[in-house]
Amino acid sequence: MSQAFVREGDDPWLEDIGPSVTALRVFLTRENNGIQIFERSSHKDAMGEQVHVMSNGLSYTKDSEGKWKVYSSPQSPR
């Protein structure tokens, strides 16, 4: 279906975009009114999750299904 026929409110959500970092960058740039977002760094956290630190001040990772989500560090046991 052509993008010309997508109604407002049908915009993709973070979890709807492709699994690549490029797809994440394109999505975040679109959400940021065209101001380019880039990956500052990436690393694995203590739980072994790949974390992508982006220039918008947030970090992102993928869930068990490979869908993007905003990263929140694992809670340490008390």
PDB file of N, CA and C in Angstrom:
ATOM      1  N   MET A   1       0.843  -1.175   0.000  1.00  0.00           N
ATOM      2  CA  MET A   1       0.000   0.000   0.000  1.00  0.00           C
ATOM      3  C   MET A   1       0.891   1.241   0.000  1.00  0.00           C
ATOM      4  N   SER A   2       0.517   2.218  -0.743  1.00  0.00           N
ATOM      5  CA  SER A   2       1.282   3.449  -0.855  1.00  0.00           C
ATOM      6  C   SER A   2       1.207   4.241   0.441  1.00  0.00           C
ATOM      7  N   GLN A   3       2.296   4.889   0.788  1.00  0.00           N
ATOM      8  CA  GLN A   3       2.324   5.744   1.970  1.00  0.00           C
ATOM      9  C   GLN A   3       1.349   6.914   1.820  1.00  0.00           C
ATOM     10  N   ALA A   4       0.994   7.264   0.571  1.00  0.00           N
ATOM     11  CA  ALA A   4       0.083   8.380   0.338  1.00  0.00           C
ATOM     12  C   ALA A   4      -1.302   8.102   0.912  1.00  0.00           C
ATOM     13  N   PHE A   5      -1.627   6.834   1.123  1.00  0.00           N
ATOM     14  CA  PHE A   5      -2.946   6.472   1.599  1.00  0.00           C
ATOM     15  C   PHE A   5      -2.991   6.155   3.092  1.00  0.00           C
ATOM     16  N   VAL A   6      -1.890   6.385   3.782  1.00  0.00           N
ATOM     17  CA  VAL A   6      -1.859   6.124   5.217  1.00  0.00           C
ATOM     18  C   VAL A   6      -2.472   7.311   5.936  1.00  0.00           C
ATOM     19  N   ARG A   7      -3.461   7.040   6.771  1.00  0.00           N
ATOM     20  CA  ARG A   7      -4.133   8.107   7.519  1.00  0.00           C
ATOM     21  C   ARG A   7      -3.284   8.522   8.720  1.00  0.00           C
ATOM     22  N   GLU A   8      -3.474   9.764   9.147  1.00  0.00           N
ATOM     23  CA  GLU A   8      -2.815  10.231  10.360  1.00  0.00           C
ATOM     24  C   GLU A   8      -3.257   9.344  11.514  1.00  0.00           C
ATOM     25  N   GLY A   9      -2.330   8.989  12.371  1.00  0.00           N
ATOM     26  CA  GLY A   9      -2.635   8.079  13.459  1.00  0.00           C
ATOM     27  C   GLY A   9      -2.268   6.645  13.115  1.00  0.00           C
ATOM     28  N   ASP A  10      -1.968   6.404  11.836  1.00  0.00           N
ATOM     29  CA  ASP A  10      -1.533   5.081  11.411  1.00  0.00           C
ATOM     30  C   ASP A  10      -0.015   5.001  11.351  1.00  0.00           C
ATOM     31  N   ASP A  11       0.666   5.992  11.912  1.00  0.00           N
ATOM     32  CA  ASP A  11       2.121   5.987  11.915  1.00  0.00           C
ATOM     33  C   ASP A  11       2.621   4.761  12.656  1.00  0.00           C
ATOM     34  N   PRO A  12       3.770   4.224  12.228  1.00  0.00           N
ATOM     35  CA  PRO A  12       4.296   3.042  12.917  1.00  0.00           C
ATOM     36  C   PRO A  12       4.757   3.378  14.337  1.00  0.00           C
ATOM     37  N   TRP A  13       4.681   2.414  15.194  1.00  0.00           N
ATOM     38  CA  TRP A  13       5.173   2.520  16.558  1.00  0.00           C
ATOM     39  C   TRP A  13       6.580   1.953  16.591  1.00  0.00           C
ATOM     40  N   LEU A  14       7.301   2.223  17.643  1.00  0.00           N
ATOM     41  CA  LEU A  14       8.675   1.744  17.783  1.00  0.00           C
ATOM     42  C   LEU A  14       8.762   0.240  17.569  1.00  0.00           C
ATOM     43  N   GLU A  15       7.845  -0.506  18.152  1.00  0.00           N
ATOM     44  CA  GLU A  15       7.910  -1.963  18.035  1.00  0.00           C
ATOM     45  C   GLU A  15       7.510  -2.471  16.651  1.00  0.00           C
ATOM     46  N   ASP A  16       7.002  -1.588  15.782  1.00  0.00           N
ATOM     47  CA  ASP A  16       6.590  -1.986  14.438  1.00  0.00           C
ATOM     48  C   ASP A  16       7.701  -1.881  13.397  1.00  0.00           C
ATOM     49  N   ILE A  17       8.787  -1.208  13.723  1.00  0.00           N
ATOM     50  CA  ILE A  17       9.821  -0.978  12.714  1.00  0.00           C
ATOM     51  C   ILE A  17      10.731  -2.192  12.604  1.00  0.00           C
ATOM     52  N   GLY A  18      11.502  -2.219  11.528  1.00  0.00           N
ATOM     53  CA  GLY A  18      12.402  -3.337  11.260  1.00  0.00           C
ATOM     54  C   GLY A  18      13.478  -3.494  12.322  1.00  0.00           C
ATOM     55  N   PRO A  19      14.155  -4.637  12.328  1.00  0.00           N
ATOM     56  CA  PRO A  19      15.115  -4.951  13.384  1.00  0.00           C
ATOM     57  C   PRO A  19      16.501  -4.315  13.227  1.00  0.00           C
ATOM     58  N   SER A  20      16.749  -3.610  12.134  1.00  0.00           N
ATOM     59  CA  SER A  20      18.093  -3.050  11.920  1.00  0.00           C
ATOM     60  C   SER A  20      18.254  -1.704  12.627  1.00  0.00           C
ATOM     61  N   VAL A  21      19.496  -1.354  12.909  1.00  0.00           N
ATOM     62  CA  VAL A  21      19.798  -0.054  13.515  1.00  0.00           C
ATOM     63  C   VAL A  21      19.452   1.059  12.528  1.00  0.00           C
ATOM     64  N   THR A  22      19.613   0.803  11.247  1.00  0.00           N
ATOM     65  CA  THR A  22      19.249   1.797  10.231  1.00  0.00           C
ATOM     66  C   THR A  22      17.758   2.100  10.296  1.00  0.00           C
ATOM     67  N   ALA A  23      16.930   1.076  10.418  1.00  0.00           N
ATOM     68  CA  ALA A  23      15.482   1.286  10.540  1.00  0.00           C
ATOM     69  C   ALA A  23      15.170   2.082  11.798  1.00  0.00           C
ATOM     70  N   LEU A  24      15.879   1.808  12.889  1.00  0.00           N
ATOM     71  CA  LEU A  24      15.690   2.557  14.133  1.00  0.00           C
ATOM     72  C   LEU A  24      16.049   4.020  13.922  1.00  0.00           C
ATOM     73  N   ARG A  25      17.186   4.285  13.278  1.00  0.00           N
ATOM     74  CA  ARG A  25      17.616   5.665  13.018  1.00  0.00           C
ATOM     75  C   ARG A  25      16.604   6.422  12.167  1.00  0.00           C
ATOM     76  N   VAL A  26      16.102   5.775  11.115  1.00  0.00           N
ATOM     77  CA  VAL A  26      15.119   6.423  10.237  1.00  0.00           C
ATOM     78  C   VAL A  26      13.848   6.742  11.022  1.00  0.00           C
ATOM     79  N   PHE A  27      13.378   5.793  11.815  1.00  0.00           N
ATOM     80  CA  PHE A  27      12.175   6.006  12.626  1.00  0.00           C
ATOM     81  C   PHE A  27      12.373   7.161  13.602  1.00  0.00           C
ATOM     82  N   LEU A  28      13.494   7.150  14.327  1.00  0.00           N
ATOM     83  CA  LEU A  28      13.742   8.194  15.327  1.00  0.00           C
ATOM     84  C   LEU A  28      13.907   9.566  14.677  1.00  0.00           C
ATOM     85  N   THR A  29      14.542   9.612  13.513  1.00  0.00           N
ATOM     86  CA  THR A  29      14.692  10.882  12.794  1.00  0.00           C
ATOM     87  C   THR A  29      13.327  11.422  12.381  1.00  0.00           C
ATOM     88  N   ARG A  30      12.458  10.555  11.885  1.00  0.00           N
ATOM     89  CA  ARG A  30      11.101  10.971  11.502  1.00  0.00           C
ATOM     90  C   ARG A  30      10.339  11.476  12.725  1.00  0.00           C
ATOM     91  N   GLU A  31      10.468  10.774  13.851  1.00  0.00           N
ATOM     92  CA  GLU A  31       9.787  11.180  15.082  1.00  0.00           C
ATOM     93  C   GLU A  31      10.340  12.487  15.641  1.00  0.00           C
ATOM     94  N   ASN A  32      11.561  12.844  15.251  1.00  0.00           N
ATOM     95  CA  ASN A  32      12.232  14.041  15.749  1.00  0.00           C
ATOM     96  C   ASN A  32      12.129  15.181  14.727  1.00  0.00           C
ATOM     97  N   ASN A  33      11.037  15.175  13.948  1.00  0.00           N
ATOM     98  CA  ASN A  33      10.772  16.223  12.951  1.00  0.00           C
ATOM     99  C   ASN A  33      11.894  16.399  11.945  1.00  0.00           C
ATOM    100  N   GLY A  34      12.527  15.293  11.556  1.00  0.00           N
ATOM    101  CA  GLY A  34      13.549  15.318  10.515  1.00  0.00           C
ATOM    102  C   GLY A  34      14.950  15.625  10.992  1.00  0.00           C
ATOM    103  N   ILE A  35      15.113  15.935  12.259  1.00  0.00           N
ATOM    104  CA  ILE A  35      16.462  16.176  12.785  1.00  0.00           C
ATOM    105  C   ILE A  35      17.130  14.813  12.966  1.00  0.00           C
ATOM    106  N   GLN A  36      18.275  14.650  12.303  1.00  0.00           N
ATOM    107  CA  GLN A  36      18.917  13.346  12.247  1.00  0.00           C
ATOM    108  C   GLN A  36      19.317  12.822  13.626  1.00  0.00           C
ATOM    109  N   ILE A  37      18.966  11.578  13.881  1.00  0.00           N
ATOM    110  CA  ILE A  37      19.359  10.867  15.091  1.00  0.00           C
ATOM    111  C   ILE A  37      20.379   9.817  14.674  1.00  0.00           C
ATOM    112  N   PHE A  38      21.445   9.700  15.436  1.00  0.00           N
ATOM    113  CA  PHE A  38      22.470   8.718  15.104  1.00  0.00           C
ATOM    114  C   PHE A  38      22.845   7.912  16.341  1.00  0.00           C
ATOM    115  N   GLU A  39      23.527   6.826  16.101  1.00  0.00           N
ATOM    116  CA  GLU A  39      23.960   5.963  17.195  1.00  0.00           C
ATOM    117  C   GLU A  39      25.265   6.504  17.758  1.00  0.00           C
ATOM    118  N   ARG A  40      25.281   6.815  19.042  1.00  0.00           N
ATOM    119  CA  ARG A  40      26.503   7.299  19.698  1.00  0.00           C
ATOM    120  C   ARG A  40      27.430   6.144  20.043  1.00  0.00           C
ATOM    121  N   SER A  41      26.843   5.059  20.542  1.00  0.00           N
ATOM    122  CA  SER A  41      27.646   3.889  20.909  1.00  0.00           C
ATOM    123  C   SER A  41      26.725   2.696  21.097  1.00  0.00           C
ATOM    124  N   SER A  42      27.333   1.547  21.241  1.00  0.00           N
ATOM    125  CA  SER A  42      26.567   0.354  21.591  1.00  0.00           C
ATOM    126  C   SER A  42      27.426  -0.506  22.503  1.00  0.00           C
ATOM    127  N   HIS A  43      26.775  -1.246  23.359  1.00  0.00           N
ATOM    128  CA  HIS A  43      27.476  -2.116  24.304  1.00  0.00           C
ATOM    129  C   HIS A  43      26.513  -3.187  24.797  1.00  0.00           C
ATOM    130  N   LYS A  44      27.045  -4.164  25.467  1.00  0.00           N
ATOM    131  CA  LYS A  44      26.202  -5.183  26.101  1.00  0.00           C
ATOM    132  C   LYS A  44      26.103  -4.848  27.579  1.00  0.00           C
ATOM    133  N   ASP A  45      24.890  -4.982  28.116  1.00  0.00           N
ATOM    134  CA  ASP A  45      24.695  -4.716  29.537  1.00  0.00           C
ATOM    135  C   ASP A  45      25.057  -5.952  30.352  1.00  0.00           C
ATOM    136  N   ALA A  46      24.854  -5.888  31.653  1.00  0.00           N
ATOM    137  CA  ALA A  46      25.212  -6.990  32.558  1.00  0.00           C
ATOM    138  C   ALA A  46      24.436  -8.266  32.259  1.00  0.00           C
ATOM    139  N   MET A  47      23.261  -8.123  31.650  1.00  0.00           N
ATOM    140  CA  MET A  47      22.433  -9.288  31.312  1.00  0.00           C
ATOM    141  C   MET A  47      22.716  -9.808  29.905  1.00  0.00           C
ATOM    142  N   GLY A  48      23.654  -9.184  29.201  1.00  0.00           N
ATOM    143  CA  GLY A  48      24.022  -9.619  27.854  1.00  0.00           C
ATOM    144  C   GLY A  48      23.191  -9.024  26.737  1.00  0.00           C
ATOM    145  N   GLU A  49      22.313  -8.067  27.048  1.00  0.00           N
ATOM    146  CA  GLU A  49      21.500  -7.414  26.023  1.00  0.00           C
ATOM    147  C   GLU A  49      22.333  -6.380  25.271  1.00  0.00           C
ATOM    148  N   GLN A  50      22.198  -6.343  23.948  1.00  0.00           N
ATOM    149  CA  GLN A  50      22.859  -5.322  23.140  1.00  0.00           C
ATOM    150  C   GLN A  50      22.096  -4.019  23.298  1.00  0.00           C
ATOM    151  N   VAL A  51      22.774  -2.971  23.726  1.00  0.00           N
ATOM    152  CA  VAL A  51      22.154  -1.671  23.989  1.00  0.00           C
ATOM    153  C   VAL A  51      22.730  -0.659  23.007  1.00  0.00           C
ATOM    154  N   HIS A  52      21.849   0.085  22.344  1.00  0.00           N
ATOM    155  CA  HIS A  52      22.250   1.105  21.378  1.00  0.00           C
ATOM    156  C   HIS A  52      21.938   2.469  21.976  1.00  0.00           C
ATOM    157  N   VAL A  53      22.979   3.255  22.230  1.00  0.00           N
ATOM    158  CA  VAL A  53      22.830   4.592  22.806  1.00  0.00           C
ATOM    159  C   VAL A  53      22.698   5.573  21.638  1.00  0.00           C
ATOM    160  N   MET A  54      21.575   6.271  21.578  1.00  0.00           N
ATOM    161  CA  MET A  54      21.289   7.146  20.447  1.00  0.00           C
ATOM    162  C   MET A  54      21.460   8.617  20.837  1.00  0.00           C
ATOM    163  N   SER A  55      21.584   9.461  19.824  1.00  0.00           N
ATOM    164  CA  SER A  55      21.842  10.885  20.057  1.00  0.00           C
ATOM    165  C   SER A  55      20.633  11.640  20.607  1.00  0.00           C
ATOM    166  N   ASN A  56      19.480  11.001  20.691  1.00  0.00           N
ATOM    167  CA  ASN A  56      18.309  11.665  21.266  1.00  0.00           C
ATOM    168  C   ASN A  56      18.280  11.534  22.792  1.00  0.00           C
ATOM    169  N   GLY A  57      19.319  10.932  23.367  1.00  0.00           N
ATOM    170  CA  GLY A  57      19.415  10.826  24.819  1.00  0.00           C
ATOM    171  C   GLY A  57      18.835   9.544  25.384  1.00  0.00           C
ATOM    172  N   LEU A  58      18.273   8.701  24.531  1.00  0.00           N
ATOM    173  CA  LEU A  58      17.704   7.433  24.991  1.00  0.00           C
ATOM    174  C   LEU A  58      18.522   6.266  24.456  1.00  0.00           C
ATOM    175  N   SER A  59      18.379   5.139  25.113  1.00  0.00           N
ATOM    176  CA  SER A  59      19.025   3.900  24.672  1.00  0.00           C
ATOM    177  C   SER A  59      17.931   2.917  24.291  1.00  0.00           C
ATOM    178  N   TYR A  60      18.239   2.064  23.322  1.00  0.00           N
ATOM    179  CA  TYR A  60      17.268   1.118  22.791  1.00  0.00           C
ATOM    180  C   TYR A  60      17.867  -0.271  22.741  1.00  0.00           C
ATOM    181  N   THR A  61      17.021  -1.265  22.878  1.00  0.00           N
ATOM    182  CA  THR A  61      17.404  -2.664  22.767  1.00  0.00           C
ATOM    183  C   THR A  61      16.233  -3.406  22.143  1.00  0.00           C
ATOM    184  N   LYS A  62      16.426  -4.678  21.855  1.00  0.00           N
ATOM    185  CA  LYS A  62      15.347  -5.482  21.288  1.00  0.00           C
ATOM    186  C   LYS A  62      14.827  -6.449  22.342  1.00  0.00           C
ATOM    187  N   ASP A  63      13.534  -6.721  22.273  1.00  0.00           N
ATOM    188  CA  ASP A  63      12.945  -7.686  23.193  1.00  0.00           C
ATOM    189  C   ASP A  63      13.201  -9.104  22.675  1.00  0.00           C
ATOM    190  N   SER A  64      12.630 -10.093  23.337  1.00  0.00           N
ATOM    191  CA  SER A  64      12.865 -11.494  22.967  1.00  0.00           C
ATOM    192  C   SER A  64      12.310 -11.836  21.583  1.00  0.00           C
ATOM    193  N   GLU A  65      11.405 -11.006  21.058  1.00  0.00           N
ATOM    194  CA  GLU A  65      10.845 -11.224  19.724  1.00  0.00           C
ATOM    195  C   GLU A  65      11.573 -10.415  18.652  1.00  0.00           C
ATOM    196  N   GLY A  66      12.644  -9.693  19.050  1.00  0.00           N
ATOM    197  CA  GLY A  66      13.409  -8.902  18.094  1.00  0.00           C
ATOM    198  C   GLY A  66      12.800  -7.552  17.780  1.00  0.00           C
ATOM    199  N   LYS A  67      11.860  -7.094  18.602  1.00  0.00           N
ATOM    200  CA  LYS A  67      11.224  -5.797  18.399  1.00  0.00           C
ATOM    201  C   LYS A  67      11.918  -4.747  19.268  1.00  0.00           C
ATOM    202  N   TRP A  68      12.066  -3.543  18.719  1.00  0.00           N
ATOM    203  CA  TRP A  68      12.732  -2.461  19.437  1.00  0.00           C
ATOM    204  C   TRP A  68      11.924  -2.012  20.645  1.00  0.00           C
ATOM    205  N   LYS A  69      12.647  -1.611  21.692  1.00  0.00           N
ATOM    206  CA  LYS A  69      12.035  -1.012  22.881  1.00  0.00           C
ATOM    207  C   LYS A  69      13.043  -0.060  23.497  1.00  0.00           C
ATOM    208  N   VAL A  70      12.535   0.890  24.268  1.00  0.00           N
ATOM    209  CA  VAL A  70      13.419   1.792  25.005  1.00  0.00           C
ATOM    210  C   VAL A  70      14.058   0.977  26.116  1.00  0.00           C
ATOM    211  N   TYR A  71      15.370   1.116  26.247  1.00  0.00           N
ATOM    212  CA  TYR A  71      16.120   0.335  27.231  1.00  0.00           C
ATOM    213  C   TYR A  71      15.961   0.907  28.621  1.00  0.00           C
ATOM    214  N   SER A  72      15.724   0.035  29.560  1.00  0.00           N
ATOM    215  CA  SER A  72      15.780   0.396  30.972  1.00  0.00           C
ATOM    216  C   SER A  72      16.687  -0.633  31.633  1.00  0.00           C
ATOM    217  N   SER A  73      17.667  -0.142  32.367  1.00  0.00           N
ATOM    218  CA  SER A  73      18.660  -1.053  32.931  1.00  0.00           C
ATOM    219  C   SER A  73      18.018  -2.066  33.874  1.00  0.00           C
ATOM    220  N   PRO A  74      18.555  -3.272  33.867  1.00  0.00           N
ATOM    221  CA  PRO A  74      17.990  -4.307  34.752  1.00  0.00           C
ATOM    222  C   PRO A  74      18.104  -3.891  36.209  1.00  0.00           C
ATOM    223  N   GLN A  75      17.098  -4.247  36.977  1.00  0.00           N
ATOM    224  CA  GLN A  75      17.110  -3.931  38.397  1.00  0.00           C
ATOM    225  C   GLN A  75      18.006  -4.919  39.123  1.00  0.00           C
ATOM    226  N   SER A  76      18.879  -4.402  39.952  1.00  0.00           N
ATOM    227  CA  SER A  76      19.740  -5.290  40.717  1.00  0.00           C
ATOM    228  C   SER A  76      18.954  -5.862  41.906  1.00  0.00           C
ATOM    229  N   PRO A  77      19.237  -7.109  42.268  1.00  0.00           N
ATOM    230  CA  PRO A  77      18.524  -7.693  43.413  1.00  0.00           C
ATOM    231  C   PRO A  77      18.866  -6.937  44.696  1.00  0.00           C
ATOM    232  N   ARG A  78      17.897  -6.825  45.569  1.00  0.00           N
ATOM    233  CA  ARG A  78      18.132  -6.090  46.836  1.00  0.00           C
ATOM    234  C   ARG A  78      18.565  -7.014  47.920  1.00  0.00           C
TER     235      ARG A  78
END
